[in-house]
Amino acid sequence: MADNNAAVVEISQRANTFRSSIVLQAENKYIDVKSILGLFTTLLGNHAYELHVHGPDAEEAKEAMAAVFEKYGLNVTIIGE
């Protein structure tokens, strides 16, 4: 799970550089990716996730978050405004 820990920390740190709301949907749960604790309890390998990004810097946030999820091999679909 060391990889998972690194993924959680990097995702949260990267999300916190944006003003936009960035929310991860995993099945019927919605987690603010700026919350490390929320991510630790939700981010489990082979799930398919949706990332909802809304706000003033949403385009930059979507690109950056997609890159971080891809780096860790996490299956995410980015949903925009």
PDB file of N, CA and C in Angstrom:
ATOM      1  N   MET A   1       0.811  -1.212   0.000  1.00  0.00           N
ATOM      2  CA  MET A   1       0.000   0.000   0.000  1.00  0.00           C
ATOM      3  C   MET A   1       0.847   1.267   0.000  1.00  0.00           C
ATOM      4  N   ALA A   2       2.163   1.155  -0.006  1.00  0.00           N
ATOM      5  CA  ALA A   2       3.023   2.349   0.013  1.00  0.00           C
ATOM      6  C   ALA A   2       2.708   3.267  -1.157  1.00  0.00           C
ATOM      7  N   ASP A   3       2.490   2.666  -2.338  1.00  0.00           N
ATOM      8  CA  ASP A   3       2.123   3.439  -3.526  1.00  0.00           C
ATOM      9  C   ASP A   3       0.853   4.229  -3.292  1.00  0.00           C
ATOM     10  N   ASN A   4      -0.119   3.567  -2.646  1.00  0.00           N
ATOM     11  CA  ASN A   4      -1.399   4.201  -2.378  1.00  0.00           C
ATOM     12  C   ASN A   4      -1.220   5.419  -1.477  1.00  0.00           C
ATOM     13  N   ASN A   5      -0.371   5.291  -0.455  1.00  0.00           N
ATOM     14  CA  ASN A   5      -0.111   6.416   0.438  1.00  0.00           C
ATOM     15  C   ASN A   5       0.484   7.588  -0.332  1.00  0.00           C
ATOM     16  N   ALA A   6       1.441   7.303  -1.187  1.00  0.00           N
ATOM     17  CA  ALA A   6       2.067   8.351  -1.988  1.00  0.00           C
ATOM     18  C   ALA A   6       1.027   8.997  -2.906  1.00  0.00           C
ATOM     19  N   ALA A   7       0.152   8.193  -3.473  1.00  0.00           N
ATOM     20  CA  ALA A   7      -0.894   8.705  -4.360  1.00  0.00           C
ATOM     21  C   ALA A   7      -1.822   9.646  -3.598  1.00  0.00           C
ATOM     22  N   VAL A   8      -2.261   9.229  -2.416  1.00  0.00           N
ATOM     23  CA  VAL A   8      -3.173  10.045  -1.603  1.00  0.00           C
ATOM     24  C   VAL A   8      -2.545  11.393  -1.283  1.00  0.00           C
ATOM     25  N   VAL A   9      -1.298  11.375  -0.839  1.00  0.00           N
ATOM     26  CA  VAL A   9      -0.624  12.618  -0.469  1.00  0.00           C
ATOM     27  C   VAL A   9      -0.454  13.527  -1.679  1.00  0.00           C
ATOM     28  N   GLU A  10      -0.010  12.960  -2.802  1.00  0.00           N
ATOM     29  CA  GLU A  10       0.212  13.788  -3.988  1.00  0.00           C
ATOM     30  C   GLU A  10      -1.097  14.335  -4.556  1.00  0.00           C
ATOM     31  N   ILE A  11      -2.132  13.516  -4.584  1.00  0.00           N
ATOM     32  CA  ILE A  11      -3.438  13.976  -5.084  1.00  0.00           C
ATOM     33  C   ILE A  11      -3.946  15.131  -4.231  1.00  0.00           C
ATOM     34  N   SER A  12      -3.875  14.968  -2.922  1.00  0.00           N
ATOM     35  CA  SER A  12      -4.367  16.008  -2.021  1.00  0.00           C
ATOM     36  C   SER A  12      -3.544  17.295  -2.143  1.00  0.00           C
ATOM     37  N   GLN A  13      -2.223  17.145  -2.168  1.00  0.00           N
ATOM     38  CA  GLN A  13      -1.359  18.332  -2.281  1.00  0.00           C
ATOM     39  C   GLN A  13      -1.619  19.073  -3.582  1.00  0.00           C
ATOM     40  N   ARG A  14      -1.756  18.322  -4.663  1.00  0.00           N
ATOM     41  CA  ARG A  14      -1.984  18.940  -5.975  1.00  0.00           C
ATOM     42  C   ARG A  14      -3.352  19.631  -6.003  1.00  0.00           C
ATOM     43  N   ALA A  15      -4.364  18.982  -5.452  1.00  0.00           N
ATOM     44  CA  ALA A  15      -5.716  19.554  -5.424  1.00  0.00           C
ATOM     45  C   ALA A  15      -5.737  20.868  -4.645  1.00  0.00           C
ATOM     46  N   ASN A  16      -4.950  20.929  -3.589  1.00  0.00           N
ATOM     47  CA  ASN A  16      -4.928  22.124  -2.746  1.00  0.00           C
ATOM     48  C   ASN A  16      -4.264  23.326  -3.411  1.00  0.00           C
ATOM     49  N   THR A  17      -3.655  23.136  -4.573  1.00  0.00           N
ATOM     50  CA  THR A  17      -3.067  24.270  -5.284  1.00  0.00           C
ATOM     51  C   THR A  17      -4.111  24.990  -6.145  1.00  0.00           C
ATOM     52  N   PHE A  18      -5.329  24.447  -6.193  1.00  0.00           N
ATOM     53  CA  PHE A  18      -6.387  25.033  -7.022  1.00  0.00           C
ATOM     54  C   PHE A  18      -7.510  25.593  -6.156  1.00  0.00           C
ATOM     55  N   ARG A  19      -8.188  26.611  -6.671  1.00  0.00           N
ATOM     56  CA  ARG A  19      -9.339  27.193  -5.966  1.00  0.00           C
ATOM     57  C   ARG A  19     -10.604  26.403  -6.262  1.00  0.00           C
ATOM     58  N   SER A  20     -10.612  25.682  -7.362  1.00  0.00           N
ATOM     59  CA  SER A  20     -11.807  24.930  -7.771  1.00  0.00           C
ATOM     60  C   SER A  20     -12.179  23.859  -6.748  1.00  0.00           C
ATOM     61  N   SER A  21     -13.459  23.516  -6.758  1.00  0.00           N
ATOM     62  CA  SER A  21     -13.944  22.378  -5.981  1.00  0.00           C
ATOM     63  C   SER A  21     -13.560  21.114  -6.750  1.00  0.00           C
ATOM     64  N   ILE A  22     -12.916  20.170  -6.078  1.00  0.00           N
ATOM     65  CA  ILE A  22     -12.501  18.914  -6.720  1.00  0.00           C
ATOM     66  C   ILE A  22     -13.013  17.771  -5.848  1.00  0.00           C
ATOM     67  N   VAL A  23     -13.997  17.052  -6.373  1.00  0.00           N
ATOM     68  CA  VAL A  23     -14.670  16.013  -5.592  1.00  0.00           C
ATOM     69  C   VAL A  23     -14.560  14.681  -6.318  1.00  0.00           C
ATOM     70  N   LEU A  24     -14.158  13.655  -5.581  1.00  0.00           N
ATOM     71  CA  LEU A  24     -14.029  12.309  -6.131  1.00  0.00           C
ATOM     72  C   LEU A  24     -15.292  11.525  -5.818  1.00  0.00           C
ATOM     73  N   GLN A  25     -15.881  10.927  -6.857  1.00  0.00           N
ATOM     74  CA  GLN A  25     -17.043  10.071  -6.648  1.00  0.00           C
ATOM     75  C   GLN A  25     -16.606   8.629  -6.789  1.00  0.00           C
ATOM     76  N   ALA A  26     -16.843   7.854  -5.747  1.00  0.00           N
ATOM     77  CA  ALA A  26     -16.549   6.424  -5.763  1.00  0.00           C
ATOM     78  C   ALA A  26     -17.845   5.717  -5.393  1.00  0.00           C
ATOM     79  N   GLU A  27     -18.456   5.087  -6.373  1.00  0.00           N
ATOM     80  CA  GLU A  27     -19.774   4.478  -6.198  1.00  0.00           C
ATOM     81  C   GLU A  27     -20.725   5.554  -5.693  1.00  0.00           C
ATOM     82  N   ASN A  28     -21.248   5.435  -4.473  1.00  0.00           N
ATOM     83  CA  ASN A  28     -22.212   6.441  -4.010  1.00  0.00           C
ATOM     84  C   ASN A  28     -21.608   7.396  -2.972  1.00  0.00           C
ATOM     85  N   LYS A  29     -20.287   7.434  -2.883  1.00  0.00           N
ATOM     86  CA  LYS A  29     -19.624   8.326  -1.930  1.00  0.00           C
ATOM     87  C   LYS A  29     -18.972   9.482  -2.670  1.00  0.00           C
ATOM     88  N   TYR A  30     -19.023  10.645  -2.059  1.00  0.00           N
ATOM     89  CA  TYR A  30     -18.380  11.834  -2.611  1.00  0.00           C
ATOM     90  C   TYR A  30     -17.338  12.320  -1.614  1.00  0.00           C
ATOM     91  N   ILE A  31     -16.093  12.448  -2.075  1.00  0.00           N
ATOM     92  CA  ILE A  31     -14.987  12.815  -1.193  1.00  0.00           C
ATOM     93  C   ILE A  31     -14.284  14.054  -1.735  1.00  0.00           C
ATOM     94  N   ASP A  32     -14.074  15.041  -0.885  1.00  0.00           N
ATOM     95  CA  ASP A  32     -13.289  16.217  -1.261  1.00  0.00           C
ATOM     96  C   ASP A  32     -11.830  15.765  -1.343  1.00  0.00           C
ATOM     97  N   VAL A  33     -11.215  15.853  -2.535  1.00  0.00           N
ATOM     98  CA  VAL A  33      -9.850  15.344  -2.669  1.00  0.00           C
ATOM     99  C   VAL A  33      -8.817  16.215  -1.956  1.00  0.00           C
ATOM    100  N   LYS A  34      -9.238  17.351  -1.441  1.00  0.00           N
ATOM    101  CA  LYS A  34      -8.323  18.170  -0.647  1.00  0.00           C
ATOM    102  C   LYS A  34      -8.185  17.610   0.774  1.00  0.00           C
ATOM    103  N   SER A  35      -9.010  16.620   1.096  1.00  0.00           N
ATOM    104  CA  SER A  35      -8.981  15.979   2.416  1.00  0.00           C
ATOM    105  C   SER A  35      -8.201  14.665   2.344  1.00  0.00           C
ATOM    106  N   ILE A  36      -7.023  14.657   2.960  1.00  0.00           N
ATOM    107  CA  ILE A  36      -6.201  13.446   2.944  1.00  0.00           C
ATOM    108  C   ILE A  36      -6.943  12.289   3.611  1.00  0.00           C
ATOM    109  N   LEU A  37      -7.596  12.546   4.722  1.00  0.00           N
ATOM    110  CA  LEU A  37      -8.297  11.481   5.442  1.00  0.00           C
ATOM    111  C   LEU A  37      -9.394  10.856   4.583  1.00  0.00           C
ATOM    112  N   GLY A  38     -10.177  11.703   3.902  1.00  0.00           N
ATOM    113  CA  GLY A  38     -11.221  11.193   3.025  1.00  0.00           C
ATOM    114  C   GLY A  38     -10.659  10.301   1.936  1.00  0.00           C
ATOM    115  N   LEU A  39      -9.529  10.718   1.372  1.00  0.00           N
ATOM    116  CA  LEU A  39      -8.911   9.931   0.306  1.00  0.00           C
ATOM    117  C   LEU A  39      -8.407   8.589   0.828  1.00  0.00           C
ATOM    118  N   PHE A  40      -7.782   8.586   2.001  1.00  0.00           N
ATOM    119  CA  PHE A  40      -7.245   7.342   2.554  1.00  0.00           C
ATOM    120  C   PHE A  40      -8.332   6.289   2.704  1.00  0.00           C
ATOM    121  N   THR A  41      -9.539   6.724   3.050  1.00  0.00           N
ATOM    122  CA  THR A  41     -10.606   5.746   3.278  1.00  0.00           C
ATOM    123  C   THR A  41     -11.322   5.350   1.993  1.00  0.00           C
ATOM    124  N   THR A  42     -11.033   6.035   0.892  1.00  0.00           N
ATOM    125  CA  THR A  42     -11.780   5.814  -0.347  1.00  0.00           C
ATOM    126  C   THR A  42     -10.943   5.255  -1.480  1.00  0.00           C
ATOM    127  N   LEU A  43      -9.684   5.664  -1.560  1.00  0.00           N
ATOM    128  CA  LEU A  43      -8.863   5.356  -2.722  1.00  0.00           C
ATOM    129  C   LEU A  43      -8.331   3.930  -2.651  1.00  0.00           C
ATOM    130  N   LEU A  44      -9.023   3.024  -3.317  1.00  0.00           N
ATOM    131  CA  LEU A  44      -8.608   1.626  -3.322  1.00  0.00           C
ATOM    132  C   LEU A  44      -8.458   1.160  -4.765  1.00  0.00           C
ATOM    133  N   GLY A  45      -7.270   0.773  -5.093  1.00  0.00           N
ATOM    134  CA  GLY A  45      -6.863   0.298  -6.397  1.00  0.00           C
ATOM    135  C   GLY A  45      -7.809   0.243  -7.567  1.00  0.00           C
ATOM    136  N   ASN A  46      -8.507  -0.864  -7.742  1.00  0.00           N
ATOM    137  CA  ASN A  46      -9.132  -1.161  -9.025  1.00  0.00           C
ATOM    138  C   ASN A  46     -10.532  -0.591  -9.213  1.00  0.00           C
ATOM    139  N   HIS A  47     -10.903   0.401  -8.442  1.00  0.00           N
ATOM    140  CA  HIS A  47     -12.207   1.026  -8.646  1.00  0.00           C
ATOM    141  C   HIS A  47     -12.136   2.007  -9.810  1.00  0.00           C
ATOM    142  N   ALA A  48     -13.276   2.288 -10.379  1.00  0.00           N
ATOM    143  CA  ALA A  48     -13.376   3.359 -11.370  1.00  0.00           C
ATOM    144  C   ALA A  48     -13.961   4.571 -10.647  1.00  0.00           C
ATOM    145  N   TYR A  49     -13.313   5.688 -10.790  1.00  0.00           N
ATOM    146  CA  TYR A  49     -13.720   6.900 -10.091  1.00  0.00           C
ATOM    147  C   TYR A  49     -14.161   7.970 -11.070  1.00  0.00           C
ATOM    148  N   GLU A  50     -14.975   8.897 -10.577  1.00  0.00           N
ATOM    149  CA  GLU A  50     -15.293  10.104 -11.324  1.00  0.00           C
ATOM    150  C   GLU A  50     -14.785  11.275 -10.506  1.00  0.00           C
ATOM    151  N   LEU A  51     -14.159  12.218 -11.181  1.00  0.00           N
ATOM    152  CA  LEU A  51     -13.649  13.403 -10.513  1.00  0.00           C
ATOM    153  C   LEU A  51     -14.438  14.596 -11.034  1.00  0.00           C
ATOM    154  N   HIS A  52     -15.117  15.278 -10.136  1.00  0.00           N
ATOM    155  CA  HIS A  52     -15.954  16.421 -10.497  1.00  0.00           C
ATOM    156  C   HIS A  52     -15.191  17.697 -10.147  1.00  0.00           C
ATOM    157  N   VAL A  53     -14.923  18.510 -11.156  1.00  0.00           N
ATOM    158  CA  VAL A  53     -14.123  19.721 -10.972  1.00  0.00           C
ATOM    159  C   VAL A  53     -14.937  20.932 -11.421  1.00  0.00           C
ATOM    160  N   HIS A  54     -15.123  21.881 -10.513  1.00  0.00           N
ATOM    161  CA  HIS A  54     -15.893  23.094 -10.817  1.00  0.00           C
ATOM    162  C   HIS A  54     -15.226  24.283 -10.156  1.00  0.00           C
ATOM    163  N   GLY A  55     -15.053  25.358 -10.908  1.00  0.00           N
ATOM    164  CA  GLY A  55     -14.505  26.567 -10.314  1.00  0.00           C
ATOM    165  C   GLY A  55     -13.699  27.381 -11.297  1.00  0.00           C
ATOM    166  N   PRO A  56     -13.076  28.449 -10.796  1.00  0.00           N
ATOM    167  CA  PRO A  56     -12.405  29.419 -11.664  1.00  0.00           C
ATOM    168  C   PRO A  56     -11.190  28.866 -12.404  1.00  0.00           C
ATOM    169  N   ASP A  57     -10.538  27.863 -11.846  1.00  0.00           N
ATOM    170  CA  ASP A  57      -9.348  27.293 -12.498  1.00  0.00           C
ATOM    171  C   ASP A  57      -9.577  25.820 -12.832  1.00  0.00           C
ATOM    172  N   ALA A  58     -10.816  25.497 -13.181  1.00  0.00           N
ATOM    173  CA  ALA A  58     -11.213  24.102 -13.405  1.00  0.00           C
ATOM    174  C   ALA A  58     -10.411  23.428 -14.520  1.00  0.00           C
ATOM    175  N   GLU A  59     -10.157  24.150 -15.626  1.00  0.00           N
ATOM    176  CA  GLU A  59      -9.440  23.519 -16.742  1.00  0.00           C
ATOM    177  C   GLU A  59      -8.042  23.075 -16.319  1.00  0.00           C
ATOM    178  N   GLU A  60      -7.310  23.958 -15.639  1.00  0.00           N
ATOM    179  CA  GLU A  60      -5.962  23.615 -15.172  1.00  0.00           C
ATOM    180  C   GLU A  60      -6.041  22.495 -14.143  1.00  0.00           C
ATOM    181  N   ALA A  61      -7.026  22.565 -13.266  1.00  0.00           N
ATOM    182  CA  ALA A  61      -7.174  21.544 -12.226  1.00  0.00           C
ATOM    183  C   ALA A  61      -7.446  20.175 -12.836  1.00  0.00           C
ATOM    184  N   LYS A  62      -8.315  20.139 -13.865  1.00  0.00           N
ATOM    185  CA  LYS A  62      -8.643  18.856 -14.505  1.00  0.00           C
ATOM    186  C   LYS A  62      -7.390  18.222 -15.106  1.00  0.00           C
ATOM    187  N   GLU A  63      -6.606  19.021 -15.815  1.00  0.00           N
ATOM    188  CA  GLU A  63      -5.386  18.490 -16.428  1.00  0.00           C
ATOM    189  C   GLU A  63      -4.412  17.970 -15.383  1.00  0.00           C
ATOM    190  N   ALA A  64      -4.191  18.757 -14.348  1.00  0.00           N
ATOM    191  CA  ALA A  64      -3.235  18.370 -13.308  1.00  0.00           C
ATOM    192  C   ALA A  64      -3.690  17.123 -12.561  1.00  0.00           C
ATOM    193  N   MET A  65      -4.973  17.061 -12.228  1.00  0.00           N
ATOM    194  CA  MET A  65      -5.479  15.913 -11.471  1.00  0.00           C
ATOM    195  C   MET A  65      -5.470  14.654 -12.329  1.00  0.00           C
ATOM    196  N   ALA A  66      -5.808  14.784 -13.603  1.00  0.00           N
ATOM    197  CA  ALA A  66      -5.771  13.626 -14.498  1.00  0.00           C
ATOM    198  C   ALA A  66      -4.357  13.054 -14.549  1.00  0.00           C
ATOM    199  N   ALA A  67      -3.363  13.936 -14.605  1.00  0.00           N
ATOM    200  CA  ALA A  67      -1.968  13.494 -14.670  1.00  0.00           C
ATOM    201  C   ALA A  67      -1.565  12.742 -13.403  1.00  0.00           C
ATOM    202  N   VAL A  68      -1.982  13.230 -12.241  1.00  0.00           N
ATOM    203  CA  VAL A  68      -1.623  12.564 -10.982  1.00  0.00           C
ATOM    204  C   VAL A  68      -2.304  11.202 -10.880  1.00  0.00           C
ATOM    205  N   PHE A  69      -3.587  11.133 -11.213  1.00  0.00           N
ATOM    206  CA  PHE A  69      -4.288   9.838 -11.157  1.00  0.00           C
ATOM    207  C   PHE A  69      -3.639   8.841 -12.120  1.00  0.00           C
ATOM    208  N   GLU A  70      -3.295   9.317 -13.316  1.00  0.00           N
ATOM    209  CA  GLU A  70      -2.675   8.447 -14.312  1.00  0.00           C
ATOM    210  C   GLU A  70      -1.313   7.940 -13.832  1.00  0.00           C
ATOM    211  N   LYS A  71      -0.561   8.807 -13.201  1.00  0.00           N
ATOM    212  CA  LYS A  71       0.765   8.447 -12.685  1.00  0.00           C
ATOM    213  C   LYS A  71       0.691   7.226 -11.766  1.00  0.00           C
ATOM    214  N   TYR A  72      -0.389   7.141 -10.983  1.00  0.00           N
ATOM    215  CA  TYR A  72      -0.544   6.046 -10.030  1.00  0.00           C
ATOM    216  C   TYR A  72      -1.443   4.924 -10.569  1.00  0.00           C
ATOM    217  N   GLY A  73      -1.785   4.999 -11.844  1.00  0.00           N
ATOM    218  CA  GLY A  73      -2.564   3.932 -12.467  1.00  0.00           C
ATOM    219  C   GLY A  73      -3.989   3.837 -11.945  1.00  0.00           C
ATOM    220  N   LEU A  74      -4.549   4.964 -11.511  1.00  0.00           N
ATOM    221  CA  LEU A  74      -5.913   4.970 -10.993  1.00  0.00           C
ATOM    222  C   LEU A  74      -6.883   5.312 -12.119  1.00  0.00           C
ATOM    223  N   ASN A  75      -7.956   4.568 -12.195  1.00  0.00           N
ATOM    224  CA  ASN A  75      -8.941   4.709 -13.261  1.00  0.00           C
ATOM    225  C   ASN A  75      -9.916   5.823 -12.912  1.00  0.00           C
ATOM    226  N   VAL A  76      -9.757   6.987 -13.542  1.00  0.00           N
ATOM    227  CA  VAL A  76     -10.614   8.126 -13.222  1.00  0.00           C
ATOM    228  C   VAL A  76     -11.157   8.761 -14.485  1.00  0.00           C
ATOM    229  N   THR A  77     -12.400   9.183 -14.420  1.00  0.00           N
ATOM    230  CA  THR A  77     -13.022   9.950 -15.491  1.00  0.00           C
ATOM    231  C   THR A  77     -13.220  11.367 -14.953  1.00  0.00           C
ATOM    232  N   ILE A  78     -12.713  12.352 -15.679  1.00  0.00           N
ATOM    233  CA  ILE A  78     -12.848  13.735 -15.241  1.00  0.00           C
ATOM    234  C   ILE A  78     -14.153  14.315 -15.777  1.00  0.00           C
ATOM    235  N   ILE A  79     -14.982  14.822 -14.873  1.00  0.00           N
ATOM    236  CA  ILE A  79     -16.263  15.413 -15.225  1.00  0.00           C
ATOM    237  C   ILE A  79     -16.148  16.919 -15.023  1.00  0.00           C
ATOM    238  N   GLY A  80     -16.427  17.680 -16.064  1.00  0.00           N
ATOM    239  CA  GLY A  80     -16.297  19.138 -15.955  1.00  0.00           C
ATOM    240  C   GLY A  80     -17.637  19.812 -15.792  1.00  0.00           C
ATOM    241  N   GLU A  81     -17.602  21.114 -15.921  1.00  0.00           N
ATOM    242  CA  GLU A  81     -18.832  21.901 -15.774  1.00  0.00           C
ATOM    243  C   GLU A  81     -19.721  21.735 -16.983  1.00  0.00           C
TER     244      GLU A  81
END
